[in-house]
Amino acid sequence: GSGRHSHLSNSEKEPHHWRVFMTRSVDQFEINEEKEFRRFVDPEELSKESDDVVKSGDTVTLGENHPTVTFRHVSRNDDTRTMISTMLPETGFVHCGGYVHAVDHQPDTDTEELLALLAYFNSFTCDWWARRIVDRHVTSPAINNLPIPEWNGEQISRAANLAAELTRRGGIDTLPGGRTVPSDTGYDDADRDEIIAQIESVVAKGFELKREELDTVLRDFSKKACSDDLRDRIRTLVESGTSDAATAEQ
């Protein structure tokens, strides 16, 4: 409703309009469409403002280089979770500087890398680091100063498949640029907590976290954020060194 793009903003939604994210719109790995959206944009008008918004015939989509990994900008270090991130779909939604920010990526970044980043952002380990530097907003300096796990190619693939499974379950299957969220993840029979525990395990491996270090991370979160059962699953995976792939096949 303000700023240099305020002329694109509408308070009433027309059938062809895209919705502008509010903070509450973004949940981990999904978009909360049950919460009210207050601002809307005409994608035709949006395409005139940005090279990252592509019009082909009568269809307007977000281009491949448009920021894709989004996160709540308004967030506090004592909330249940501080880092809350999802993917931006190819159409239908745009992020907004006041509420939800997005990560710019290099043009040659592939879908697997973006999904792996999403997995990391939603991990307790990433959240623990963010809480050290976040006050009331997750800012660019906070994001740019997050440590990145030392993953090899196999671990990046595993993290990406785990994030892809939860992203598809959240109703997002196509990302900007027509990137398809993989459906053959190997985790379609796993429950959500098992997938989350697997993400925590691969993140812990990327930082070579030991049990006591992992416990330090998990102590930062209430049972509402991390139930006793989920804590036990995470600890068991980290302690046993069980691979994500092996567990998924069981």
Protein backbone atom coordinates (compact mmCIF):
# COMPACT_ATOMS: atom_id res chain seq x y z
CA GLY A 1 0.00 0.00 0.00
CA SER A 2 3.03 2.32 0.08
CA GLY A 3 6.42 2.64 -1.57
CA ARG A 4 7.48 2.75 -5.19
CA HIS A 5 5.05 -0.01 -6.27
CA SER A 6 2.01 1.34 -4.45
CA HIS A 7 0.38 2.22 -7.79
CA LEU A 8 0.14 -1.53 -8.52
CA SER A 9 -1.60 -2.35 -5.25
CA ASN A 10 -5.33 -2.96 -5.02
CA SER A 11 -7.44 -3.48 -1.91
CA GLU A 12 -10.17 -5.32 -3.82
CA LYS A 13 -9.45 -8.59 -5.61
CA GLU A 14 -10.46 -9.19 -9.21
CA PRO A 15 -10.51 -12.78 -10.55
CA HIS A 16 -7.24 -12.34 -12.48
CA HIS A 17 -5.36 -10.63 -9.65
CA TRP A 18 -2.40 -12.16 -7.81
CA ARG A 19 -2.27 -12.07 -4.02
CA VAL A 20 0.40 -10.16 -2.09
CA PHE A 21 1.90 -12.12 0.80
CA MET A 22 1.20 -11.00 4.32
CA THR A 23 3.50 -12.28 7.07
CA ARG A 24 0.92 -14.85 8.14
CA SER A 25 0.64 -16.14 4.56
CA VAL A 26 4.01 -17.91 4.80
CA ASP A 27 4.25 -21.19 6.69
CA GLN A 28 7.12 -23.65 6.50
CA PHE A 29 7.11 -25.30 3.06
CA GLU A 30 3.64 -23.96 2.19
CA ILE A 31 1.36 -20.96 1.76
CA ASN A 32 -1.44 -20.44 4.27
CA GLU A 33 -4.38 -19.57 2.05
CA GLU A 34 -6.84 -19.70 4.94
CA LYS A 35 -5.51 -16.42 6.33
CA GLU A 36 -6.80 -13.16 4.88
CA PHE A 37 -4.96 -11.43 2.03
CA ARG A 38 -5.39 -7.65 1.95
CA ARG A 39 -3.53 -6.47 -1.14
CA PHE A 40 -3.68 -7.66 -4.74
CA VAL A 41 -1.90 -6.90 -8.00
CA ASP A 42 -2.76 -7.15 -11.67
CA PRO A 43 -0.09 -9.43 -13.21
CA GLU A 44 -0.40 -7.57 -16.53
CA GLU A 45 0.64 -4.34 -14.82
CA LEU A 46 3.32 -6.16 -12.84
CA SER A 47 4.91 -7.47 -16.05
CA LYS A 48 5.52 -3.89 -17.18
CA GLU A 49 7.57 -3.17 -14.06
CA SER A 50 10.02 -6.07 -13.94
CA ASP A 51 12.04 -8.21 -16.35
CA ASP A 52 11.57 -11.07 -13.89
CA VAL A 53 7.84 -11.12 -14.65
CA VAL A 54 7.28 -12.69 -18.07
CA LYS A 55 4.28 -12.31 -20.35
CA SER A 56 3.74 -14.89 -23.09
CA GLY A 57 0.52 -14.40 -25.01
CA ASP A 58 -2.20 -13.96 -22.41
CA THR A 59 -0.19 -15.70 -19.67
CA VAL A 60 1.94 -13.91 -17.09
CA THR A 61 4.41 -15.87 -14.95
CA LEU A 62 7.43 -15.22 -12.76
CA GLY A 63 10.68 -15.80 -14.64
CA GLU A 64 13.44 -18.27 -13.77
CA ASN A 65 15.64 -15.59 -12.20
CA HIS A 66 12.88 -14.20 -9.99
CA PRO A 67 13.64 -14.74 -6.26
CA THR A 68 12.02 -18.03 -5.28
CA VAL A 69 12.91 -18.90 -1.66
CA THR A 70 10.81 -16.58 0.52
CA PHE A 71 10.71 -16.09 4.28
CA ARG A 72 8.83 -14.09 6.89
CA HIS A 73 10.49 -10.70 7.30
CA VAL A 74 8.56 -9.84 10.46
CA SER A 75 9.73 -12.37 13.04
CA ARG A 76 11.24 -12.32 16.53
CA ASN A 77 13.94 -14.35 18.20
CA ASP A 78 11.55 -15.48 20.94
CA ASP A 79 8.71 -16.62 18.66
CA THR A 80 7.92 -20.33 18.41
CA ARG A 81 9.93 -20.31 15.18
CA THR A 82 11.96 -17.42 13.80
CA MET A 83 12.98 -18.67 10.34
CA ILE A 84 9.82 -19.57 8.44
CA SER A 85 10.33 -20.14 4.74
CA THR A 86 8.46 -21.40 1.68
CA MET A 87 8.72 -21.32 -2.11
CA LEU A 88 7.10 -18.71 -4.33
CA PRO A 89 4.91 -20.40 -6.98
CA GLU A 90 5.21 -19.51 -10.66
CA THR A 91 1.90 -17.61 -10.61
CA GLY A 92 -0.69 -16.27 -8.23
CA PHE A 93 1.46 -14.67 -5.53
CA VAL A 94 4.12 -12.00 -5.02
CA HIS A 95 6.20 -11.20 -1.94
CA CYS A 96 6.18 -7.78 -0.31
CA GLY A 97 9.03 -5.85 1.29
CA GLY A 98 7.00 -5.03 4.38
CA TYR A 99 6.07 -8.58 5.30
CA VAL A 100 7.82 -11.31 3.32
CA HIS A 101 11.27 -11.15 1.75
CA ALA A 102 12.99 -13.42 -0.77
CA VAL A 103 16.52 -14.57 -1.51
CA ASP A 104 18.12 -13.39 -4.73
CA HIS A 105 19.98 -16.17 -6.53
CA GLN A 106 22.52 -16.40 -9.32
CA PRO A 107 21.11 -17.11 -12.82
CA ASP A 108 22.75 -20.55 -12.95
CA THR A 109 21.23 -21.73 -9.64
CA ASP A 110 19.36 -24.98 -10.22
CA THR A 111 16.11 -26.18 -8.65
CA GLU A 112 17.89 -28.70 -6.44
CA GLU A 113 20.03 -25.98 -4.85
CA LEU A 114 16.98 -23.79 -4.17
CA LEU A 115 15.13 -26.67 -2.53
CA ALA A 116 18.18 -27.56 -0.44
CA LEU A 117 18.34 -23.95 0.76
CA LEU A 118 14.66 -24.13 1.69
CA ALA A 119 15.32 -27.28 3.73
CA TYR A 120 18.17 -25.58 5.58
CA PHE A 121 16.18 -22.38 6.25
CA ASN A 122 13.43 -24.41 7.94
CA SER A 123 15.80 -26.42 10.12
CA PHE A 124 16.16 -25.87 13.85
CA THR A 125 19.91 -25.41 13.39
CA CYS A 126 19.40 -22.51 10.99
CA ASP A 127 16.73 -21.08 13.27
CA TRP A 128 19.10 -21.31 16.27
CA TRP A 129 21.71 -19.25 14.40
CA ALA A 130 19.10 -16.73 13.27
CA ARG A 131 17.96 -16.22 16.86
CA ARG A 132 21.44 -15.06 17.77
CA ILE A 133 21.17 -12.09 15.40
CA VAL A 134 17.45 -11.44 14.73
CA ASP A 135 15.49 -8.93 16.82
CA ARG A 136 12.09 -8.14 15.31
CA HIS A 137 12.85 -8.67 11.62
CA VAL A 138 14.78 -11.22 9.56
CA THR A 139 16.90 -8.74 7.62
CA SER A 140 19.33 -9.10 4.73
CA PRO A 141 22.36 -8.94 7.09
CA ALA A 142 20.80 -11.72 9.18
CA ILE A 143 20.30 -13.94 6.13
CA ASN A 144 23.70 -13.16 4.62
CA ASN A 145 25.48 -13.98 7.88
CA LEU A 146 23.91 -17.40 8.34
CA PRO A 147 26.49 -20.21 8.14
CA ILE A 148 25.93 -22.70 5.33
CA PRO A 149 26.30 -26.46 5.95
CA GLU A 150 29.25 -28.15 4.26
CA TRP A 151 27.16 -30.51 2.12
CA ASN A 152 28.45 -32.71 -0.65
CA GLY A 153 26.39 -33.31 -3.79
CA GLU A 154 24.59 -36.32 -2.33
CA GLN A 155 23.57 -34.40 0.80
CA ILE A 156 22.32 -31.48 -1.29
CA SER A 157 20.17 -33.92 -3.27
CA ARG A 158 18.78 -35.48 -0.09
CA ALA A 159 17.96 -32.11 1.45
CA ALA A 160 16.32 -31.03 -1.81
CA ASN A 161 14.18 -34.18 -2.04
CA LEU A 162 13.03 -33.77 1.56
CA ALA A 163 12.07 -30.14 0.94
CA ALA A 164 10.41 -31.08 -2.36
CA GLU A 165 8.19 -33.64 -0.64
CA LEU A 166 6.93 -31.12 1.93
CA THR A 167 6.59 -28.39 -0.71
CA ARG A 168 4.41 -30.59 -2.90
CA ARG A 169 2.33 -31.59 0.09
CA GLY A 170 1.89 -27.89 0.74
CA GLY A 171 0.33 -27.48 -2.70
CA ILE A 172 3.24 -25.94 -4.63
CA ASP A 173 4.38 -27.88 -7.68
CA THR A 174 5.74 -25.28 -10.12
CA LEU A 175 8.29 -22.59 -9.25
CA PRO A 176 9.21 -19.39 -11.15
CA GLY A 177 10.57 -20.12 -14.60
CA GLY A 178 8.47 -23.26 -14.90
CA ARG A 179 10.78 -25.19 -12.57
CA THR A 180 8.99 -28.37 -11.49
CA VAL A 181 9.12 -29.48 -7.88
CA PRO A 182 10.20 -33.17 -8.04
CA SER A 183 7.50 -35.71 -7.27
CA ASP A 184 9.67 -38.84 -7.10
CA THR A 185 11.38 -37.84 -3.86
CA GLY A 186 11.54 -41.24 -2.20
CA TYR A 187 9.76 -39.85 0.87
CA ASP A 188 6.12 -40.05 -0.21
CA ASP A 189 5.34 -42.68 2.45
CA ALA A 190 7.12 -40.87 5.28
CA ASP A 191 5.14 -38.82 7.81
CA ARG A 192 5.92 -35.13 8.23
CA ASP A 193 7.87 -35.52 11.47
CA GLU A 194 10.06 -38.19 9.89
CA ILE A 195 10.87 -35.87 6.99
CA ILE A 196 11.62 -32.99 9.36
CA ALA A 197 13.88 -35.26 11.43
CA GLN A 198 15.69 -36.30 8.25
CA ILE A 199 16.24 -32.64 7.36
CA GLU A 200 17.65 -31.99 10.82
CA SER A 201 19.92 -34.99 10.44
CA VAL A 202 21.40 -33.92 7.11
CA VAL A 203 21.86 -30.35 8.41
CA ALA A 204 23.60 -31.67 11.54
CA LYS A 205 25.92 -33.72 9.33
CA GLY A 206 26.72 -30.60 7.30
CA PHE A 207 27.93 -28.88 10.46
CA GLU A 208 29.37 -32.04 12.07
CA LEU A 209 27.20 -31.44 15.13
CA LYS A 210 27.63 -33.79 18.06
CA ARG A 211 24.86 -34.85 20.49
CA GLU A 212 25.63 -32.11 23.04
CA GLU A 213 25.70 -29.43 20.34
CA LEU A 214 22.43 -30.69 18.91
CA ASP A 215 20.87 -30.61 22.39
CA THR A 216 21.99 -26.97 22.73
CA VAL A 217 20.15 -26.16 19.50
CA LEU A 218 16.96 -28.01 20.44
CA ARG A 219 16.81 -26.48 23.94
CA ASP A 220 16.10 -23.13 22.27
CA PHE A 221 12.69 -24.40 21.14
CA SER A 222 9.53 -25.15 23.09
CA LYS A 223 7.60 -28.40 22.85
CA LYS A 224 5.12 -26.58 20.63
CA ALA A 225 7.90 -26.07 18.10
CA CYS A 226 9.59 -29.42 18.65
CA SER A 227 7.65 -32.17 20.37
CA ASP A 228 9.35 -34.79 22.54
CA ASP A 229 8.75 -37.39 19.83
CA LEU A 230 10.36 -35.22 17.17
CA ARG A 231 13.35 -34.49 19.44
CA ASP A 232 13.83 -38.22 19.97
CA ARG A 233 13.63 -38.90 16.22
CA ILE A 234 16.22 -36.22 15.47
CA ARG A 235 18.60 -37.41 18.20
CA THR A 236 18.30 -41.03 17.09
CA LEU A 237 19.11 -40.19 13.47
CA VAL A 238 22.05 -37.96 14.37
CA GLU A 239 23.50 -40.43 16.86
CA SER A 240 23.08 -43.45 14.60
CA GLY A 241 24.40 -41.73 11.50
CA THR A 242 21.58 -43.38 9.53
CA SER A 243 21.48 -42.04 5.99
CA ASP A 244 18.36 -40.38 4.70
CA ALA A 245 18.30 -42.66 1.69
CA ALA A 246 18.54 -45.83 3.79
CA THR A 247 15.71 -44.72 6.07
CA ALA A 248 13.48 -43.77 3.14
CA GLU A 249 13.86 -47.27 1.68
CA GLN A 250 12.80 -49.02 4.88
